[in-house]
Protein backbone atom coordinates (compact mmCIF):
# COMPACT_ATOMS: atom_id res chain seq x y z
CA MET A 1 52.36 61.85 98.76
CA ARG A 2 54.65 63.01 101.53
CA LYS A 3 57.66 61.45 99.80
CA ILE A 4 56.93 63.43 96.63
CA LYS A 5 56.71 66.74 98.53
CA THR A 6 60.15 66.15 100.11
CA CYS A 7 61.75 65.64 96.66
CA LEU A 8 60.25 68.80 95.31
CA ILE A 9 61.56 70.80 98.25
CA LEU A 10 65.06 69.44 97.73
CA LEU A 11 65.02 70.49 94.11
CA ILE A 12 63.95 73.97 94.92
CA LEU A 13 66.63 74.39 97.53
CA VAL A 14 69.57 73.76 95.20
CA ILE A 15 71.49 77.05 95.03
CA THR A 16 74.76 78.33 93.69
CA CYS A 17 77.63 80.13 95.42
CA THR A 18 78.60 83.71 94.97
CA SER A 19 81.07 85.23 92.55
CA CYS A 20 84.72 84.73 91.88
CA ALA A 21 86.65 87.86 90.98
CA PRO A 22 89.67 88.78 88.81
CA ARG A 23 92.87 88.05 88.28
CA ALA A 24 90.56 87.30 87.75
CA PHE A 25 87.69 84.90 87.81
CA SER A 26 84.30 85.32 86.18
CA GLU A 27 81.22 84.04 87.87
CA SER A 28 79.33 81.05 86.38
CA PHE A 29 77.75 77.84 87.49
CA ALA A 30 78.22 74.08 86.88
CA PHE A 31 76.78 70.65 87.73
CA SER A 32 78.41 68.65 90.48
CA ARG A 33 80.72 65.73 89.74
CA ASP A 34 81.53 62.40 91.34
CA ASP A 35 84.93 61.16 92.58
CA ILE A 36 86.60 64.55 92.97
CA PRO A 37 88.99 65.39 95.83
CA MET A 38 87.93 67.07 99.04
CA ILE A 39 89.99 70.20 99.73
CA HIS A 40 90.10 71.44 103.37
CA ASN A 41 92.22 74.55 103.21
CA MET A 42 93.95 77.02 100.86
CA GLU A 43 97.30 75.30 101.18
CA GLU A 44 95.79 72.05 99.95
CA LEU A 45 94.08 73.93 97.10
CA LYS A 46 97.36 75.65 96.09
CA GLU A 47 99.15 72.28 95.83
CA TYR A 48 96.23 70.69 93.96
CA VAL A 49 96.02 73.56 91.38
CA GLU A 50 99.77 73.69 90.80
CA GLU A 51 99.84 69.93 90.30
CA GLN A 52 97.03 70.08 87.77
CA LEU A 53 98.62 72.94 85.89
CA GLN A 54 101.98 71.10 85.74
CA PHE A 55 100.16 68.18 84.00
CA GLY A 56 98.37 70.55 81.61
CA SER A 57 94.87 70.38 83.06
CA VAL A 58 92.80 73.41 82.02
CA GLU A 59 89.63 72.25 83.75
CA PHE A 60 89.31 70.29 87.01
CA SER A 61 87.05 70.02 89.99
CA PHE A 62 87.07 69.58 93.74
CA SER A 63 84.73 69.63 96.72
CA THR A 64 85.10 71.68 99.88
CA LYS A 65 83.26 72.26 103.16
CA GLU A 66 85.63 74.85 104.64
CA LEU A 67 86.35 77.22 101.74
CA ASP A 68 84.01 79.87 100.31
CA MET A 69 84.18 81.99 97.18
CA ASP A 70 86.05 84.79 99.00
CA ASP A 71 88.76 82.21 99.65
CA ILE A 72 88.78 80.76 96.12
CA GLN A 73 89.06 84.09 94.41
CA ASN A 74 92.52 84.63 96.07
CA ILE A 75 94.06 81.41 94.82
CA ASN A 76 96.17 83.11 92.07
CA SER A 77 97.91 85.22 94.73
CA MET A 78 99.14 81.94 96.23
CA LEU A 79 100.33 80.32 93.00
CA HIS A 80 103.79 80.97 91.61
CA GLY A 81 102.18 81.02 88.14
CA TYR A 82 105.01 79.23 86.35
CA TYR A 83 102.68 76.76 84.59
CA GLY A 84 99.65 79.01 84.41
CA ASP A 85 96.82 80.37 86.57
CA VAL A 86 93.10 80.24 87.13
CA THR A 87 90.85 82.34 84.92
CA LYS A 88 87.35 81.25 85.94
CA CYS A 89 85.52 79.19 88.52
CA LYS A 90 82.11 77.51 88.60
CA SER A 91 80.34 76.27 91.68
CA GLU A 92 77.27 74.29 92.94
CA GLY A 93 76.07 73.87 96.41
CA THR A 94 72.89 73.10 98.40
CA ILE A 95 71.33 74.52 101.41
CA LEU A 96 70.86 70.99 102.77
CA SER A 97 74.57 70.19 102.35
CA SER A 98 77.65 71.95 103.63
CA THR A 99 79.68 70.69 100.68
CA VAL A 100 80.29 72.90 97.69
CA ASN A 101 81.52 71.39 94.39
CA MET A 102 83.89 73.70 92.41
CA THR A 103 85.28 73.57 88.87
CA LEU A 104 88.23 75.73 88.01
CA TYR A 105 89.25 76.74 84.49
CA CYS A 106 92.85 77.68 83.78
CA LYS A 107 95.19 79.18 81.17
CA LEU A 108 98.49 77.39 80.62
CA SER A 109 101.62 79.46 80.44
CA ASP A 110 104.29 79.56 77.71
CA ASN A 111 106.59 77.68 80.05
CA TYR A 112 104.26 74.70 80.00
CA TYR A 113 104.19 74.51 76.17
CA VAL A 114 107.96 75.00 75.90
CA GLU A 115 108.69 72.13 78.36
CA ARG A 116 106.20 69.82 76.64
CA ASN A 117 107.76 70.67 73.27
CA TYR A 118 111.31 70.15 74.52
CA TYR A 119 110.65 66.95 76.49
CA LYS A 120 108.00 65.24 74.29
CA GLY A 121 108.16 66.99 70.95
CA GLU A 122 104.59 68.18 71.32
CA LYS A 123 103.65 70.98 68.97
CA ILE A 124 103.08 74.43 70.34
CA PRO A 125 99.72 75.96 69.31
CA GLU A 126 100.13 78.00 66.11
CA ASP A 127 98.43 81.00 67.72
CA ASN A 128 100.96 81.09 70.53
CA LYS A 129 103.70 83.07 68.93
CA GLU A 130 105.44 83.91 72.22
CA ALA A 131 105.70 80.27 73.29
CA ARG A 132 107.23 79.31 69.92
CA GLU A 133 109.74 82.18 70.05
CA LEU A 134 110.61 81.23 73.64
CA ALA A 135 111.12 77.53 72.72
CA LYS A 136 113.47 78.58 69.85
CA ALA A 137 115.44 80.82 72.19
CA CYS A 138 115.76 78.07 74.85
CA ARG A 139 117.08 75.52 72.36
CA LYS A 140 119.66 78.01 71.12
CA ILE A 141 120.73 78.89 74.72
CA LEU A 142 121.08 75.29 75.76
CA LYS A 143 123.11 74.42 72.70
CA LYS A 144 125.45 77.30 73.63
CA MET A 145 125.69 76.01 77.20
CA THR A 146 126.65 72.51 76.01
CA ARG A 147 129.38 73.96 73.73
CA GLU A 148 130.81 76.04 76.51
CA VAL A 149 130.61 73.67 79.57
CA GLY A 150 130.62 70.32 77.74
CA LYS A 151 128.22 67.41 77.71
CA ASP A 152 129.70 65.98 80.93
CA ALA A 153 129.28 69.22 82.92
CA SER A 154 128.24 68.86 86.55
CA ASP A 155 124.87 70.19 87.80
CA TYR A 156 126.78 72.98 89.52
CA GLU A 157 128.54 73.96 86.28
CA LYS A 158 125.22 73.97 84.38
CA GLU A 159 123.50 76.04 87.10
CA LEU A 160 126.36 78.58 87.20
CA TRP A 161 126.33 78.98 83.45
CA ILE A 162 122.58 79.54 83.38
CA HIS A 163 122.80 82.07 86.22
CA ASP A 164 125.56 83.93 84.36
CA TYR A 165 123.68 83.80 81.07
CA ILE A 166 120.56 85.39 82.47
CA VAL A 167 122.48 88.05 84.30
CA THR A 168 124.54 89.07 81.30
CA HIS A 169 121.60 88.99 78.82
CA THR A 170 118.85 90.54 80.92
CA SER A 171 118.30 94.06 82.17
CA TYR A 172 115.97 94.74 85.07
CA GLY A 173 112.80 96.62 84.16
CA TYR A 174 110.19 96.85 81.50
CA GLU A 175 110.35 97.47 77.77
CA GLU A 176 109.70 101.00 76.63
CA GLY A 177 105.98 101.60 76.49
CA GLU A 178 105.05 98.65 78.71
CA ASP A 179 102.61 99.20 81.59
CA ALA A 180 104.55 98.44 84.75
CA GLN A 181 101.27 97.80 86.55
CA SER A 182 100.06 95.15 84.03
CA GLU A 183 100.41 91.54 85.17
CA ASP A 184 100.38 90.63 81.45
CA SER A 185 103.69 92.39 80.78
CA ALA A 186 106.36 90.21 79.23
CA ALA A 187 108.70 91.38 81.96
CA HIS A 188 106.86 89.10 84.34
CA GLU A 189 107.51 86.04 82.17
CA SER A 190 110.42 83.85 80.88
CA TYR A 191 109.86 85.61 77.53
CA GLY A 192 110.90 88.90 79.02
CA ALA A 193 114.20 87.52 80.32
CA LEU A 194 115.13 85.25 77.45
CA VAL A 195 113.67 86.88 74.41
CA SER A 196 112.98 90.58 75.09
CA HIS A 197 115.86 90.75 77.56
CA ARG A 198 113.97 92.97 79.97
CA ALA A 199 112.42 91.46 83.06
CA VAL A 200 111.47 91.89 86.72
CA CYS A 201 111.90 89.32 89.51
CA ASN A 202 109.08 87.02 88.16
CA GLY A 203 110.65 86.95 84.79
CA TYR A 204 114.16 86.22 86.11
CA SER A 205 112.92 83.39 88.35
CA TYR A 206 110.74 81.87 85.65
CA ALA A 207 113.69 81.94 83.17
CA MET A 208 116.02 80.35 85.77
CA LYS A 209 113.53 77.56 86.41
CA LEU A 210 112.78 77.04 82.72
CA LEU A 211 116.47 76.75 81.72
CA CYS A 212 117.28 74.58 84.77
CA ASN A 213 114.39 72.29 84.06
CA LEU A 214 115.33 71.82 80.43
CA ALA A 215 118.95 71.21 81.52
CA GLY A 216 117.82 68.43 83.92
CA LEU A 217 118.22 70.37 87.15
CA ASP A 218 115.66 70.38 89.91
CA CYS A 219 114.59 74.00 90.42
CA ARG A 220 111.73 75.68 92.24
CA ILE A 221 110.26 79.19 92.35
CA ILE A 222 109.95 80.87 95.79
CA THR A 223 107.44 83.58 96.31
CA GLY A 224 107.74 85.85 99.37
CA GLN A 225 109.25 89.22 100.16
CA GLY A 226 112.66 90.75 99.53
CA ASN A 227 113.45 93.82 101.58
CA ASP A 228 109.75 94.00 102.62
CA GLU A 229 108.48 94.07 98.95
CA ASN A 230 106.82 91.22 97.02
CA HIS A 231 109.60 89.21 95.42
CA ALA A 232 110.34 85.87 93.60
CA TRP A 233 113.52 83.90 93.47
CA ASN A 234 114.62 80.19 93.12
CA MET A 235 115.79 77.20 94.93
CA VAL A 236 118.01 74.71 93.11
CA LYS A 237 119.01 71.17 94.16
CA ILE A 238 122.71 70.42 93.70
CA ASP A 239 124.36 67.28 95.02
CA ASP A 240 121.23 66.39 96.95
CA GLU A 241 121.15 69.67 98.84
CA TRP A 242 118.85 72.66 98.24
CA TYR A 243 120.17 76.19 97.84
CA HIS A 244 118.56 79.61 97.31
CA VAL A 245 119.49 81.47 94.16
CA ASP A 246 118.33 85.09 93.49
CA VAL A 247 119.29 85.90 89.95
CA THR A 248 117.51 89.25 90.08
CA TRP A 249 119.64 90.53 92.99
CA ASP A 250 122.84 89.22 91.38
CA ASP A 251 122.20 91.41 88.29
CA PRO A 252 123.52 94.97 88.87
CA SER A 253 120.96 97.70 88.38
CA PRO A 254 121.49 99.88 86.43
CA ASP A 255 122.83 97.25 84.09
CA GLN A 256 126.63 97.02 83.79
CA GLU A 257 127.88 95.12 80.74
CA GLY A 258 129.67 91.97 81.55
CA ARG A 259 129.41 92.37 85.33
CA ILE A 260 128.19 89.46 87.44
CA VAL A 261 128.09 89.08 91.20
CA TYR A 262 127.29 85.95 93.15
CA THR A 263 126.03 87.36 96.44
CA TYR A 264 122.88 85.25 96.24
CA PHE A 265 124.20 82.22 94.40
CA ASN A 266 123.59 78.96 96.32
CA ILE A 267 123.03 80.28 99.83
CA ASN A 268 121.30 78.51 102.73
CA ASP A 269 118.21 79.56 104.64
CA GLU A 270 120.21 81.45 107.19
CA ARG A 271 121.88 83.65 104.63
CA ALA A 272 118.69 84.04 102.52
CA SER A 273 116.71 85.15 105.52
CA LEU A 274 118.88 88.19 105.99
CA GLY A 275 117.04 89.92 103.09
CA HIS A 276 114.25 87.52 102.20
CA THR A 277 111.17 86.28 103.99
CA TRP A 278 109.05 83.30 102.85
CA ASN A 279 106.75 80.65 104.19
CA THR A 280 109.31 78.02 105.10
CA ALA A 281 106.73 75.25 105.47
CA ARG A 282 105.98 75.44 101.72
CA TYR A 283 109.60 74.86 100.57
CA PRO A 284 112.48 72.44 101.27
CA GLU A 285 115.02 73.30 103.91
CA ALA A 286 118.37 74.66 102.76
CA THR A 287 121.12 74.12 105.25
CA CYS A 288 124.25 73.60 103.14
CA MET A 289 126.78 76.10 101.82
CA ASP A 290 129.16 73.66 100.06
CA ASN A 291 128.15 74.84 96.57
CA ASN A 292 128.01 78.51 97.42
CA TYR A 293 130.01 80.33 94.71
CA TYR A 294 132.47 82.04 97.02
CA ILE A 295 133.07 79.07 99.34
CA LYS A 296 133.47 76.65 96.43
CA ASN A 297 135.89 78.93 94.71
CA ASP A 298 137.86 79.87 97.85
CA LEU A 299 136.72 83.45 97.70
CA PHE A 300 135.08 83.73 101.09
CA CYS A 301 136.89 85.58 103.93
CA GLU A 302 135.87 85.26 107.54
CA ASP A 303 137.49 88.61 108.57
CA TYR A 304 139.47 91.54 107.36
CA ASP A 305 142.89 89.89 107.88
CA GLU A 306 141.85 86.95 105.67
CA PHE A 307 140.41 89.41 103.16
CA LYS A 308 143.66 91.32 102.90
CA GLU A 309 145.66 88.10 102.64
CA LYS A 310 143.42 86.79 99.87
CA CYS A 311 143.59 90.02 97.89
CA ILE A 312 147.39 90.03 98.04
CA GLN A 313 147.48 86.37 96.95
CA ILE A 314 145.25 87.07 93.97
CA LEU A 315 147.27 90.15 92.87
CA GLN A 316 150.56 88.23 93.21
CA GLU A 317 149.32 85.27 91.19
CA LYS A 318 147.90 87.26 88.27
CA ASP A 319 147.52 90.82 87.19
CA ARG A 320 143.89 91.72 87.88
CA ASN A 321 141.63 94.72 87.09
CA ARG A 322 138.88 93.45 89.39
CA ILE A 323 138.66 91.43 92.57
CA GLN A 324 135.43 89.98 93.92
CA LEU A 325 135.37 88.50 97.40
CA MET A 326 132.71 87.87 100.05
CA VAL A 327 133.45 88.74 103.66
CA GLY A 328 131.73 87.55 106.78
CA ASP A 329 132.31 90.47 109.15
CA TYR A 330 131.46 93.55 107.02
CA ASP A 331 131.70 96.82 108.84
CA GLY A 332 132.20 100.10 106.88
CA SER A 333 134.76 101.35 109.36
CA ILE A 334 136.84 98.15 108.90
CA TYR A 335 136.61 97.90 105.09
CA SER A 336 137.28 101.57 104.69
CA GLU A 337 139.16 103.27 101.91
CA SER A 338 142.23 103.78 104.10
CA ASN A 339 142.28 100.08 104.95
CA MET A 340 142.14 99.23 101.22
CA GLU A 341 145.31 101.26 100.36
CA PHE A 342 147.43 98.12 100.68
CA LEU A 343 146.18 97.32 97.14
CA PHE A 344 148.59 99.94 95.74
CA ASP A 345 151.59 97.98 97.19
CA TYR A 346 150.69 94.89 95.17
CA SER A 347 149.55 96.32 91.90
CA ASP A 348 150.31 99.16 89.50
CA ALA A 349 146.88 100.61 90.02
CA ARG A 350 146.75 104.42 90.31
CA SER A 351 143.34 104.42 91.88
CA PHE A 352 140.56 102.02 92.85
CA ASN A 353 136.89 101.98 93.79
CA TYR A 354 134.85 99.36 95.41
CA GLN A 355 131.22 98.51 96.10
CA SER A 356 129.72 96.40 98.86
CA LEU A 357 126.66 94.34 97.95
CA GLY A 358 124.43 92.04 100.13
CA GLU A 359 123.23 91.94 103.69
CA ILE A 360 125.38 92.64 106.76
CA PRO A 361 127.51 90.89 107.95
CA TYR A 362 127.85 88.85 104.70
CA MET A 363 128.82 91.32 101.95
CA THR A 364 130.35 90.96 98.52
CA LEU A 365 133.11 93.43 97.86
CA VAL A 366 133.77 94.21 94.23
CA ILE A 367 137.07 96.12 93.84
CA ASN A 368 137.94 97.78 90.54
CA LEU A 369 141.64 98.71 90.05
CA ASN A 370 142.31 101.50 87.67
CA HIS A 371 145.75 101.22 86.08
């Protein structure tokens, strides 16, 4: 009789955890499952969810003793969202046990469907018009890349072409009539950059990763802050070294047709940290500058004397309307208009203007010569 009473008490004491909120979760409840992983902290949960999304899982479970529903409801803020995000969670726990079993339900992104279609030929759902349009655009873009750089192009050449394509075909911002506060805006997605041609940093970084992935390059999305605002950019692996690439910041705003700068193309952690902050523990270390655009193309100058010498060399070799160099000692008083007048001695320009871009002391100088 005593044994029966104990069982009844245990059944009565089964309870469920509290709610999960948007971006949103809706509250509901589920039965526990066997053989599911134990998650101890939010970093482990982030990695687990991103792994599941990458493999197309829309429902999966885990157990936890340390996390509560207030923690879980913030998971989307930690995800880069490239393959999708969490839409709902269900939970079950008991008063007699400190373990809570959770089931998460997710929505897969267009990027997931496009990659599966490209790699494995899997059909994109008929009702996902945006993903089908994005897949068509990506195939067209990659064919254009192959025509222009060749089938035997290096990873660096492919990466550079993709960077330049996004910059020249995308304008920063939202389409007319779009709600800038809406997280569902196309500007936050690859679709915005590659189909609508209007995007913000999420859209730029997703598009860079999508095209790099399809081209066979190892690319990641970095979420952190840029100039103290929430920001996203990329890391790309070239010749076994990781580099930061910020396509958004390399695209002039307001948009200037045909203009591309490379201030944030393949820079190391040291350079990136001048304007960006991120959780370095989550991402690979970037220490190399060998594939930085300016260094690789002999367009980096340590000081003003080298800058002047390089400008003269460029003008003597070929008539130019524009010169783009990076300097490592930028100071407005040194790179002043009066100290630029030597340009008149080596060109037939009647006037010039220049713009400095980047973070001191590493600045890109773009000089336009007006003939």
